[in-house]
PDB file of N, CA and C in Angstrom:
ATOM      1  N   MET A   1       0.842  -1.170  -0.005  1.00  0.00           N
ATOM      2  CA  MET A   1       0.000   0.006   0.015  1.00  0.00           C
ATOM      3  C   MET A   1       0.897   1.235  -0.003  1.00  0.00           C
ATOM      4  N   ASP A   2       0.754   1.938  -1.041  1.00  0.00           N
ATOM      5  CA  ASP A   2       1.582   3.082  -1.211  1.00  0.00           C
ATOM      6  C   ASP A   2       0.770   4.344  -0.899  1.00  0.00           C
ATOM      7  N   ILE A   3       1.219   5.116   0.093  1.00  0.00           N
ATOM      8  CA  ILE A   3       0.508   6.318   0.519  1.00  0.00           C
ATOM      9  C   ILE A   3       1.061   7.520  -0.260  1.00  0.00           C
ATOM     10  N   ASP A   4       0.177   8.238  -0.839  1.00  0.00           N
ATOM     11  CA  ASP A   4       0.594   9.415  -1.575  1.00  0.00           C
ATOM     12  C   ASP A   4       0.651  10.614  -0.568  1.00  0.00           C
ATOM     13  N   TRP A   5       1.886  10.910  -0.197  1.00  0.00           N
ATOM     14  CA  TRP A   5       2.094  11.931   0.849  1.00  0.00           C
ATOM     15  C   TRP A   5       1.651  13.311   0.373  1.00  0.00           C
ATOM     16  N   LYS A   6       1.803  13.619  -0.858  1.00  0.00           N
ATOM     17  CA  LYS A   6       1.432  14.899  -1.370  1.00  0.00           C
ATOM     18  C   LYS A   6      -0.076  15.109  -1.242  1.00  0.00           C
ATOM     19  N   VAL A   7      -0.879  14.135  -1.608  1.00  0.00           N
ATOM     20  CA  VAL A   7      -2.333  14.225  -1.507  1.00  0.00           C
ATOM     21  C   VAL A   7      -2.730  14.326  -0.029  1.00  0.00           C
ATOM     22  N   LEU A   8      -2.076  13.555   0.792  1.00  0.00           N
ATOM     23  CA  LEU A   8      -2.377  13.580   2.215  1.00  0.00           C
ATOM     24  C   LEU A   8      -2.033  14.949   2.804  1.00  0.00           C
ATOM     25  N   LEU A   9      -0.931  15.529   2.465  1.00  0.00           N
ATOM     26  CA  LEU A   9      -0.570  16.853   2.970  1.00  0.00           C
ATOM     27  C   LEU A   9      -1.525  17.928   2.415  1.00  0.00           C
ATOM     28  N   ASP A  10      -1.891  17.817   1.131  1.00  0.00           N
ATOM     29  CA  ASP A  10      -2.875  18.751   0.587  1.00  0.00           C
ATOM     30  C   ASP A  10      -4.195  18.647   1.318  1.00  0.00           C
ATOM     31  N   LEU A  11      -4.642  17.442   1.565  1.00  0.00           N
ATOM     32  CA  LEU A  11      -5.872  17.231   2.280  1.00  0.00           C
ATOM     33  C   LEU A  11      -5.779  17.813   3.699  1.00  0.00           C
ATOM     34  N   LEU A  12      -4.639  17.575   4.358  1.00  0.00           N
ATOM     35  CA  LEU A  12      -4.418  18.107   5.705  1.00  0.00           C
ATOM     36  C   LEU A  12      -4.409  19.646   5.689  1.00  0.00           C
ATOM     37  N   GLN A  13      -3.803  20.234   4.686  1.00  0.00           N
ATOM     38  CA  GLN A  13      -3.759  21.672   4.551  1.00  0.00           C
ATOM     39  C   GLN A  13      -5.176  22.225   4.378  1.00  0.00           C
ATOM     40  N   TRP A  14      -5.989  21.590   3.534  1.00  0.00           N
ATOM     41  CA  TRP A  14      -7.349  22.060   3.342  1.00  0.00           C
ATOM     42  C   TRP A  14      -8.196  21.910   4.607  1.00  0.00           C
ATOM     43  N   LEU A  15      -8.029  20.847   5.317  1.00  0.00           N
ATOM     44  CA  LEU A  15      -8.747  20.649   6.578  1.00  0.00           C
ATOM     45  C   LEU A  15      -8.355  21.699   7.606  1.00  0.00           C
ATOM     46  N   LEU A  16      -7.064  22.030   7.683  1.00  0.00           N
ATOM     47  CA  LEU A  16      -6.579  23.042   8.603  1.00  0.00           C
ATOM     48  C   LEU A  16      -7.110  24.420   8.226  1.00  0.00           C
ATOM     49  N   THR A  17      -7.144  24.734   6.943  1.00  0.00           N
ATOM     50  CA  THR A  17      -7.654  26.027   6.467  1.00  0.00           C
ATOM     51  C   THR A  17      -9.139  26.130   6.764  1.00  0.00           C
ATOM     52  N   ILE A  18      -9.868  25.074   6.538  1.00  0.00           N
ATOM     53  CA  ILE A  18     -11.329  25.095   6.830  1.00  0.00           C
ATOM     54  C   ILE A  18     -11.541  25.227   8.335  1.00  0.00           C
ATOM     55  N   ALA A  19     -10.741  24.561   9.160  1.00  0.00           N
ATOM     56  CA  ALA A  19     -10.869  24.641  10.618  1.00  0.00           C
ATOM     57  C   ALA A  19     -10.609  26.059  11.090  1.00  0.00           C
ATOM     58  N   VAL A  20      -9.555  26.708  10.550  1.00  0.00           N
ATOM     59  CA  VAL A  20      -9.231  28.116  10.933  1.00  0.00           C
ATOM     60  C   VAL A  20     -10.372  29.026  10.492  1.00  0.00           C
ATOM     61  N   ALA A  21     -10.861  28.870   9.285  1.00  0.00           N
ATOM     62  CA  ALA A  21     -11.944  29.721   8.778  1.00  0.00           C
ATOM     63  C   ALA A  21     -13.182  29.520   9.647  1.00  0.00           C
ATOM     64  N   LEU A  22     -13.508  28.314   9.997  1.00  0.00           N
ATOM     65  CA  LEU A  22     -14.628  28.029  10.843  1.00  0.00           C
ATOM     66  C   LEU A  22     -14.477  28.652  12.232  1.00  0.00           C
ATOM     67  N   ALA A  23     -13.262  28.558  12.793  1.00  0.00           N
ATOM     68  CA  ALA A  23     -13.004  29.147  14.131  1.00  0.00           C
ATOM     69  C   ALA A  23     -13.156  30.668  14.068  1.00  0.00           C
ATOM     70  N   VAL A  24     -12.649  31.288  13.019  1.00  0.00           N
ATOM     71  CA  VAL A  24     -12.791  32.760  12.893  1.00  0.00           C
ATOM     72  C   VAL A  24     -14.225  33.126  12.718  1.00  0.00           C
ATOM     73  N   TRP A  25     -14.950  32.358  11.896  1.00  0.00           N
ATOM     74  CA  TRP A  25     -16.350  32.681  11.654  1.00  0.00           C
ATOM     75  C   TRP A  25     -17.167  32.521  12.925  1.00  0.00           C
ATOM     76  N   LEU A  26     -16.881  31.490  13.709  1.00  0.00           N
ATOM     77  CA  LEU A  26     -17.590  31.263  14.948  1.00  0.00           C
ATOM     78  C   LEU A  26     -17.202  32.295  16.040  1.00  0.00           C
ATOM     79  N   ARG A  27     -16.011  32.810  15.945  1.00  0.00           N
ATOM     80  CA  ARG A  27     -15.508  33.762  16.969  1.00  0.00           C
ATOM     81  C   ARG A  27     -16.098  35.133  16.774  1.00  0.00           C
ATOM     82  N   LYS A  28     -16.448  35.523  15.564  1.00  0.00           N
ATOM     83  CA  LYS A  28     -16.939  36.890  15.274  1.00  0.00           C
ATOM     84  C   LYS A  28     -18.176  37.228  16.096  1.00  0.00           C
ATOM     85  N   PRO A  29     -19.212  36.384  16.149  1.00  0.00           N
ATOM     86  CA  PRO A  29     -20.353  36.721  17.016  1.00  0.00           C
ATOM     87  C   PRO A  29     -19.950  36.867  18.466  1.00  0.00           C
ATOM     88  N   GLY A  30     -18.961  36.132  18.885  1.00  0.00           N
ATOM     89  CA  GLY A  30     -18.512  36.268  20.287  1.00  0.00           C
ATOM     90  C   GLY A  30     -17.853  37.620  20.543  1.00  0.00           C
ATOM     91  N   GLU A  31     -17.127  38.107  19.531  1.00  0.00           N
ATOM     92  CA  GLU A  31     -16.519  39.425  19.645  1.00  0.00           C
ATOM     93  C   GLU A  31     -17.592  40.511  19.673  1.00  0.00           C
ATOM     94  N   GLU A  32     -18.601  40.364  18.838  1.00  0.00           N
ATOM     95  CA  GLU A  32     -19.709  41.334  18.822  1.00  0.00           C
ATOM     96  C   GLU A  32     -20.448  41.310  20.161  1.00  0.00           C
ATOM     97  N   ALA A  33     -20.659  40.124  20.666  1.00  0.00           N
ATOM     98  CA  ALA A  33     -21.295  40.007  21.984  1.00  0.00           C
ATOM     99  C   ALA A  33     -20.444  40.613  23.073  1.00  0.00           C
ATOM    100  N   GLY A  34     -19.131  40.425  22.998  1.00  0.00           N
ATOM    101  CA  GLY A  34     -18.228  41.019  23.969  1.00  0.00           C
ATOM    102  C   GLY A  34     -18.263  42.534  23.901  1.00  0.00           C
ATOM    103  N   ALA A  35     -18.318  43.092  22.676  1.00  0.00           N
ATOM    104  CA  ALA A  35     -18.400  44.556  22.519  1.00  0.00           C
ATOM    105  C   ALA A  35     -19.745  45.080  23.083  1.00  0.00           C
ATOM    106  N   ALA A  36     -20.811  44.300  22.832  1.00  0.00           N
ATOM    107  CA  ALA A  36     -22.144  44.707  23.358  1.00  0.00           C
ATOM    108  C   ALA A  36     -22.143  44.667  24.884  1.00  0.00           C
ATOM    109  N   VAL A  37     -21.485  43.663  25.453  1.00  0.00           N
ATOM    110  CA  VAL A  37     -21.396  43.585  26.921  1.00  0.00           C
ATOM    111  C   VAL A  37     -20.603  44.750  27.463  1.00  0.00           C
ATOM    112  N   THR A  38     -19.497  45.090  26.822  1.00  0.00           N
ATOM    113  CA  THR A  38     -18.697  46.228  27.255  1.00  0.00           C
ATOM    114  C   THR A  38     -19.496  47.533  27.197  1.00  0.00           C
ATOM    115  N   GLU A  39     -20.218  47.719  26.104  1.00  0.00           N
ATOM    116  CA  GLU A  39     -21.059  48.927  25.957  1.00  0.00           C
ATOM    117  C   GLU A  39     -22.137  48.973  27.013  1.00  0.00           C
ATOM    118  N   LEU A  40     -22.786  47.840  27.250  1.00  0.00           N
ATOM    119  CA  LEU A  40     -23.822  47.750  28.263  1.00  0.00           C
ATOM    120  C   LEU A  40     -23.276  48.023  29.680  1.00  0.00           C
ATOM    121  N   THR A  41     -22.095  47.512  29.930  1.00  0.00           N
ATOM    122  CA  THR A  41     -21.460  47.757  31.228  1.00  0.00           C
ATOM    123  C   THR A  41     -21.207  49.226  31.435  1.00  0.00           C
ATOM    124  N   ALA A  42     -20.740  49.907  30.365  1.00  0.00           N
ATOM    125  CA  ALA A  42     -20.505  51.373  30.464  1.00  0.00           C
ATOM    126  C   ALA A  42     -21.829  52.110  30.733  1.00  0.00           C
ATOM    127  N   GLU A  43     -22.894  51.704  30.060  1.00  0.00           N
ATOM    128  CA  GLU A  43     -24.177  52.353  30.283  1.00  0.00           C
ATOM    129  C   GLU A  43     -24.675  52.118  31.708  1.00  0.00           C
ATOM    130  N   VAL A  44     -24.493  50.925  32.207  1.00  0.00           N
ATOM    131  CA  VAL A  44     -24.932  50.622  33.573  1.00  0.00           C
ATOM    132  C   VAL A  44     -24.109  51.445  34.578  1.00  0.00           C
ATOM    133  N   ARG A  45     -22.824  51.582  34.333  1.00  0.00           N
ATOM    134  CA  ARG A  45     -21.992  52.404  35.235  1.00  0.00           C
ATOM    135  C   ARG A  45     -22.427  53.853  35.223  1.00  0.00           C
ATOM    136  N   ASP A  46     -22.751  54.377  34.054  1.00  0.00           N
ATOM    137  CA  ASP A  46     -23.251  55.774  33.943  1.00  0.00           C
ATOM    138  C   ASP A  46     -24.579  55.913  34.691  1.00  0.00           C
ATOM    139  N   ALA A  47     -25.495  54.974  34.504  1.00  0.00           N
ATOM    140  CA  ALA A  47     -26.758  55.065  35.188  1.00  0.00           C
ATOM    141  C   ALA A  47     -26.587  54.937  36.694  1.00  0.00           C
ATOM    142  N   GLN A  48     -25.667  54.082  37.108  1.00  0.00           N
ATOM    143  CA  GLN A  48     -25.433  53.940  38.563  1.00  0.00           C
ATOM    144  C   GLN A  48     -24.807  55.214  39.125  1.00  0.00           C
ATOM    145  N   ALA A  49     -23.937  55.859  38.414  1.00  0.00           N
ATOM    146  CA  ALA A  49     -23.367  57.117  38.853  1.00  0.00           C
ATOM    147  C   ALA A  49     -24.455  58.194  39.005  1.00  0.00           C
ATOM    148  N   HIS A  50     -25.367  58.228  38.040  1.00  0.00           N
ATOM    149  CA  HIS A  50     -26.469  59.170  38.065  1.00  0.00           C
ATOM    150  C   HIS A  50     -27.361  58.928  39.286  1.00  0.00           C
ATOM    151  N   VAL A  51     -27.682  57.667  39.513  1.00  0.00           N
ATOM    152  CA  VAL A  51     -28.527  57.309  40.642  1.00  0.00           C
ATOM    153  C   VAL A  51     -27.829  57.642  41.972  1.00  0.00           C
ATOM    154  N   ASN A  52     -26.532  57.396  42.032  1.00  0.00           N
ATOM    155  CA  ASN A  52     -25.767  57.693  43.261  1.00  0.00           C
ATOM    156  C   ASN A  52     -25.764  59.205  43.512  1.00  0.00           C
ATOM    157  N   ALA A  53     -25.634  60.018  42.445  1.00  0.00           N
ATOM    158  CA  ALA A  53     -25.670  61.476  42.613  1.00  0.00           C
ATOM    159  C   ALA A  53     -27.033  61.938  43.108  1.00  0.00           C
ATOM    160  N   ARG A  54     -28.083  61.376  42.531  1.00  0.00           N
ATOM    161  CA  ARG A  54     -29.433  61.750  42.969  1.00  0.00           C
ATOM    162  C   ARG A  54     -29.691  61.326  44.426  1.00  0.00           C
ATOM    163  N   LEU A  55     -29.169  60.152  44.781  1.00  0.00           N
ATOM    164  CA  LEU A  55     -29.336  59.683  46.162  1.00  0.00           C
ATOM    165  C   LEU A  55     -28.594  60.567  47.135  1.00  0.00           C
ATOM    166  N   ALA A  56     -27.427  61.010  46.764  1.00  0.00           N
ATOM    167  CA  ALA A  56     -26.649  61.901  47.640  1.00  0.00           C
ATOM    168  C   ALA A  56     -27.397  63.230  47.814  1.00  0.00           C
ATOM    169  N   THR A  57     -27.998  63.725  46.738  1.00  0.00           N
ATOM    170  CA  THR A  57     -28.779  64.977  46.842  1.00  0.00           C
ATOM    171  C   THR A  57     -29.983  64.780  47.767  1.00  0.00           C
ATOM    172  N   LEU A  58     -30.678  63.657  47.637  1.00  0.00           N
ATOM    173  CA  LEU A  58     -31.832  63.402  48.508  1.00  0.00           C
ATOM    174  C   LEU A  58     -31.394  63.242  49.970  1.00  0.00           C
ATOM    175  N   GLU A  59     -30.302  62.550  50.199  1.00  0.00           N
ATOM    176  CA  GLU A  59     -29.841  62.416  51.571  1.00  0.00           C
ATOM    177  C   GLU A  59     -29.502  63.762  52.186  1.00  0.00           C
ATOM    178  N   GLU A  60     -28.899  64.654  51.402  1.00  0.00           N
ATOM    179  CA  GLU A  60     -28.554  66.002  51.889  1.00  0.00           C
ATOM    180  C   GLU A  60     -29.806  66.793  52.218  1.00  0.00           C
ATOM    181  N   ARG A  61     -30.834  66.674  51.382  1.00  0.00           N
ATOM    182  CA  ARG A  61     -32.082  67.398  51.648  1.00  0.00           C
ATOM    183  C   ARG A  61     -32.805  66.859  52.872  1.00  0.00           C
ATOM    184  N   VAL A  62     -32.761  65.520  53.047  1.00  0.00           N
ATOM    185  CA  VAL A  62     -33.430  64.919  54.201  1.00  0.00           C
ATOM    186  C   VAL A  62     -32.753  65.318  55.493  1.00  0.00           C
ATOM    187  N   LYS A  63     -31.456  65.543  55.460  1.00  0.00           N
ATOM    188  CA  LYS A  63     -30.747  65.977  56.666  1.00  0.00           C
ATOM    189  C   LYS A  63     -31.316  67.281  57.187  1.00  0.00           C
ATOM    190  N   HIS A  64     -31.742  68.156  56.317  1.00  0.00           N
ATOM    191  CA  HIS A  64     -32.173  69.504  56.703  1.00  0.00           C
ATOM    192  C   HIS A  64     -33.677  69.584  56.943  1.00  0.00           C
ATOM    193  N   MET A  65     -34.410  68.474  56.732  1.00  0.00           N
ATOM    194  CA  MET A  65     -35.841  68.517  56.949  1.00  0.00           C
ATOM    195  C   MET A  65     -36.144  68.397  58.436  1.00  0.00           C
ATOM    196  N   PRO A  66     -37.171  69.143  58.895  1.00  0.00           N
ATOM    197  CA  PRO A  66     -37.500  69.057  60.336  1.00  0.00           C
ATOM    198  C   PRO A  66     -38.150  67.731  60.683  1.00  0.00           C
ATOM    199  N   THR A  67     -37.967  67.305  61.920  1.00  0.00           N
ATOM    200  CA  THR A  67     -38.628  66.105  62.418  1.00  0.00           C
ATOM    201  C   THR A  67     -40.078  66.389  62.744  1.00  0.00           C
ATOM    202  N   SER A  68     -40.840  65.369  63.029  1.00  0.00           N
ATOM    203  CA  SER A  68     -42.261  65.564  63.390  1.00  0.00           C
ATOM    204  C   SER A  68     -42.363  66.303  64.707  1.00  0.00           C
ATOM    205  N   GLU A  69     -41.413  66.094  65.635  1.00  0.00           N
ATOM    206  CA  GLU A  69     -41.460  66.787  66.923  1.00  0.00           C
ATOM    207  C   GLU A  69     -41.194  68.281  66.688  1.00  0.00           C
ATOM    208  N   GLU A  70     -40.244  68.590  65.798  1.00  0.00           N
ATOM    209  CA  GLU A  70     -39.952  70.005  65.546  1.00  0.00           C
ATOM    210  C   GLU A  70     -41.158  70.658  64.859  1.00  0.00           C
ATOM    211  N   LEU A  71     -41.831  69.966  63.957  1.00  0.00           N
ATOM    212  CA  LEU A  71     -43.017  70.516  63.309  1.00  0.00           C
ATOM    213  C   LEU A  71     -44.137  70.736  64.315  1.00  0.00           C
ATOM    214  N   ALA A  72     -44.320  69.809  65.283  1.00  0.00           N
ATOM    215  CA  ALA A  72     -45.323  69.988  66.290  1.00  0.00           C
ATOM    216  C   ALA A  72     -45.004  71.218  67.158  1.00  0.00           C
ATOM    217  N   GLU A  73     -43.762  71.384  67.496  1.00  0.00           N
ATOM    218  CA  GLU A  73     -43.318  72.538  68.291  1.00  0.00           C
ATOM    219  C   GLU A  73     -43.590  73.816  67.534  1.00  0.00           C
ATOM    220  N   LEU A  74     -43.273  73.808  66.262  1.00  0.00           N
ATOM    221  CA  LEU A  74     -43.485  74.989  65.424  1.00  0.00           C
ATOM    222  C   LEU A  74     -44.984  75.305  65.317  1.00  0.00           C
ATOM    223  N   GLU A  75     -45.797  74.270  65.189  1.00  0.00           N
ATOM    224  CA  GLU A  75     -47.246  74.474  65.125  1.00  0.00           C
ATOM    225  C   GLU A  75     -47.750  75.139  66.410  1.00  0.00           C
ATOM    226  N   GLY A  76     -47.261  74.676  67.550  1.00  0.00           N
ATOM    227  CA  GLY A  76     -47.643  75.281  68.838  1.00  0.00           C
ATOM    228  C   GLY A  76     -47.218  76.706  68.914  1.00  0.00           C
ATOM    229  N   THR A  77     -46.044  77.021  68.431  1.00  0.00           N
ATOM    230  CA  THR A  77     -45.520  78.395  68.468  1.00  0.00           C
ATOM    231  C   THR A  77     -46.383  79.280  67.547  1.00  0.00           C
ATOM    232  N   VAL A  78     -46.746  78.791  66.382  1.00  0.00           N
ATOM    233  CA  VAL A  78     -47.573  79.579  65.488  1.00  0.00           C
ATOM    234  C   VAL A  78     -48.951  79.826  66.084  1.00  0.00           C
ATOM    235  N   LYS A  79     -49.521  78.823  66.751  1.00  0.00           N
ATOM    236  CA  LYS A  79     -50.810  79.037  67.425  1.00  0.00           C
ATOM    237  C   LYS A  79     -50.690  80.117  68.536  1.00  0.00           C
ATOM    238  N   ALA A  80     -49.581  80.070  69.274  1.00  0.00           N
ATOM    239  CA  ALA A  80     -49.396  81.055  70.358  1.00  0.00           C
ATOM    240  C   ALA A  80     -49.276  82.457  69.743  1.00  0.00           C
ATOM    241  N   VAL A  81     -48.527  82.576  68.667  1.00  0.00           N
ATOM    242  CA  VAL A  81     -48.370  83.876  68.040  1.00  0.00           C
ATOM    243  C   VAL A  81     -49.707  84.354  67.481  1.00  0.00           C
ATOM    244  N   GLY A  82     -50.488  83.444  66.909  1.00  0.00           N
ATOM    245  CA  GLY A  82     -51.845  83.766  66.442  1.00  0.00           C
ATOM    246  C   GLY A  82     -52.695  84.292  67.572  1.00  0.00           C
ATOM    247  N   ALA A  83     -52.648  83.667  68.718  1.00  0.00           N
ATOM    248  CA  ALA A  83     -53.459  84.104  69.873  1.00  0.00           C
ATOM    249  C   ALA A  83     -53.001  85.529  70.323  1.00  0.00           C
ATOM    250  N   GLN A  84     -51.697  85.766  70.306  1.00  0.00           N
ATOM    251  CA  GLN A  84     -51.203  87.110  70.704  1.00  0.00           C
ATOM    252  C   GLN A  84     -51.634  88.151  69.686  1.00  0.00           C
ATOM    253  N   VAL A  85     -51.632  87.820  68.406  1.00  0.00           N
ATOM    254  CA  VAL A  85     -52.090  88.786  67.384  1.00  0.00           C
ATOM    255  C   VAL A  85     -53.552  89.087  67.557  1.00  0.00           C
ATOM    256  N   GLU A  86     -54.376  88.091  67.906  1.00  0.00           N
ATOM    257  CA  GLU A  86     -55.770  88.334  68.146  1.00  0.00           C
ATOM    258  C   GLU A  86     -55.960  89.275  69.324  1.00  0.00           C
ATOM    259  N   GLY A  87     -55.195  89.070  70.374  1.00  0.00           N
ATOM    260  CA  GLY A  87     -55.286  89.908  71.535  1.00  0.00           C
ATOM    261  C   GLY A  87     -54.862  91.325  71.204  1.00  0.00           C
ATOM    262  N   LEU A  88     -53.814  91.479  70.449  1.00  0.00           N
ATOM    263  CA  LEU A  88     -53.348  92.800  70.041  1.00  0.00           C
ATOM    264  C   LEU A  88     -54.388  93.487  69.144  1.00  0.00           C
ATOM    265  N   SER A  89     -55.035  92.710  68.286  1.00  0.00           N
ATOM    266  CA  SER A  89     -56.050  93.255  67.412  1.00  0.00           C
ATOM    267  C   SER A  89     -57.222  93.804  68.202  1.00  0.00           C
ATOM    268  N   GLU A  90     -57.645  93.040  69.224  1.00  0.00           N
ATOM    269  CA  GLU A  90     -58.716  93.548  70.094  1.00  0.00           C
ATOM    270  C   GLU A  90     -58.293  94.802  70.822  1.00  0.00           C
ATOM    271  N   GLY A  91     -57.050  94.842  71.295  1.00  0.00           N
ATOM    272  CA  GLY A  91     -56.552  96.046  71.999  1.00  0.00           C
ATOM    273  C   GLY A  91     -56.438  97.215  71.027  1.00  0.00           C
ATOM    274  N   LEU A  92     -56.038  96.989  69.797  1.00  0.00           N
ATOM    275  CA  LEU A  92     -55.941  98.058  68.835  1.00  0.00           C
ATOM    276  C   LEU A  92     -57.297  98.609  68.430  1.00  0.00           C
ATOM    277  N   SER A  93     -58.302  97.731  68.425  1.00  0.00           N
ATOM    278  CA  SER A  93     -59.646  98.233  68.092  1.00  0.00           C
ATOM    279  C   SER A  93     -60.149  99.200  69.160  1.00  0.00           C
ATOM    280  N   SER A  94     -59.838  98.935  70.401  1.00  0.00           N
ATOM    281  CA  SER A  94     -60.251  99.876  71.481  1.00  0.00           C
ATOM    282  C   SER A  94     -59.433 101.183  71.368  1.00  0.00           C
ATOM    283  N   VAL A  95     -58.178 101.069  71.024  1.00  0.00           N
ATOM    284  CA  VAL A  95     -57.356 102.281  70.838  1.00  0.00           C
ATOM    285  C   VAL A  95     -57.874 103.087  69.641  1.00  0.00           C
ATOM    286  N   ARG A  96     -58.266 102.399  68.604  1.00  0.00           N
ATOM    287  CA  ARG A  96     -58.815 103.044  67.428  1.00  0.00           C
ATOM    288  C   ARG A  96     -60.113 103.823  67.777  1.00  0.00           C
ATOM    289  N   ALA A  97     -60.933 103.178  68.573  1.00  0.00           N
ATOM    290  CA  ALA A  97     -62.182 103.811  68.973  1.00  0.00           C
ATOM    291  C   ALA A  97     -61.862 105.102  69.775  1.00  0.00           C
ATOM    292  N   GLN A  98     -60.898 105.004  70.695  1.00  0.00           N
ATOM    293  CA  GLN A  98     -60.511 106.176  71.498  1.00  0.00           C
ATOM    294  C   GLN A  98     -59.944 107.284  70.597  1.00  0.00           C
ATOM    295  N   LEU A  99     -59.142 106.920  69.639  1.00  0.00           N
ATOM    296  CA  LEU A  99     -58.592 107.937  68.730  1.00  0.00           C
ATOM    297  C   LEU A  99     -59.685 108.593  67.900  1.00  0.00           C
ATOM    298  N   ASN A 100     -60.681 107.804  67.512  1.00  0.00           N
ATOM    299  CA  ASN A 100     -61.795 108.378  66.751  1.00  0.00           C
ATOM    300  C   ASN A 100     -62.571 109.371  67.629  1.00  0.00           C
ATOM    301  N   ARG A 101     -62.727 109.043  68.882  1.00  0.00           N
ATOM    302  CA  ARG A 101     -63.421 109.998  69.789  1.00  0.00           C
ATOM    303  C   ARG A 101     -62.597 111.288  69.953  1.00  0.00           C
ATOM    304  N   ILE A 102     -61.296 111.129  70.125  1.00  0.00           N
ATOM    305  CA  ILE A 102     -60.436 112.311  70.279  1.00  0.00           C
ATOM    306  C   ILE A 102     -60.463 113.137  69.010  1.00  0.00           C
ATOM    307  N   GLU A 103     -60.416 112.480  67.872  1.00  0.00           N
ATOM    308  CA  GLU A 103     -60.446 113.205  66.589  1.00  0.00           C
ATOM    309  C   GLU A 103     -61.760 113.945  66.418  1.00  0.00           C
ATOM    310  N   THR A 104     -62.873 113.292  66.755  1.00  0.00           N
ATOM    311  CA  THR A 104     -64.174 113.905  66.646  1.00  0.00           C
ATOM    312  C   THR A 104     -64.230 115.107  67.592  1.00  0.00           C
ATOM    313  N   TYR A 105     -63.755 114.978  68.797  1.00  0.00           N
ATOM    314  CA  TYR A 105     -63.772 116.093  69.770  1.00  0.00           C
ATOM    315  C   TYR A 105     -62.967 117.265  69.247  1.00  0.00           C
ATOM    316  N   LEU A 106     -61.760 116.972  68.732  1.00  0.00           N
ATOM    317  CA  LEU A 106     -60.908 118.058  68.204  1.00  0.00           C
ATOM    318  C   LEU A 106     -61.541 118.716  67.004  1.00  0.00           C
ATOM    319  N   LEU A 107     -62.178 117.995  66.151  1.00  0.00           N
ATOM    320  CA  LEU A 107     -62.780 118.573  64.966  1.00  0.00           C
ATOM    321  C   LEU A 107     -64.003 119.430  65.373  1.00  0.00           C
ATOM    322  N   GLN A 108     -64.689 119.040  66.399  1.00  0.00           N
ATOM    323  CA  GLN A 108     -65.843 119.823  66.847  1.00  0.00           C
ATOM    324  C   GLN A 108     -65.434 121.084  67.603  1.00  0.00           C
ATOM    325  N   GLN A 109     -64.262 121.131  68.182  1.00  0.00           N
ATOM    326  CA  GLN A 109     -63.757 122.266  68.922  1.00  0.00           C
ATOM    327  C   GLN A 109     -63.359 123.443  68.041  1.00  0.00           C
ATOM    328  N   LYS A 110     -63.152 123.187  66.796  1.00  0.00           N
ATOM    329  CA  LYS A 110     -62.690 124.277  65.901  1.00  0.00           C
ATOM    330  C   LYS A 110     -63.769 125.242  65.582  1.00  0.00           C
TER     331      LYS A 110
END
């Protein structure tokens, strides 16, 4: 049995070329998927940075918000000030009446 080495090497060369072409062809979708994953990772990082910035802003605003106890104290203070204003209003109405009497008296004296 005489083996033709040239035919065998040609056949081996063709098989190797086909195997390399097939490997490159199969690898291309993997590279595209890898690029898509890289792009998606960058988008997720950007979104996460944006969310972190918004969260930091919210935390800063919450630090300065009054507590329910402080709001209750403020409500009591506002009610007390309102009561004082009502009392002053009643006092001013009596002063206004007295001033009207004085004005009327002075106008009649002329």
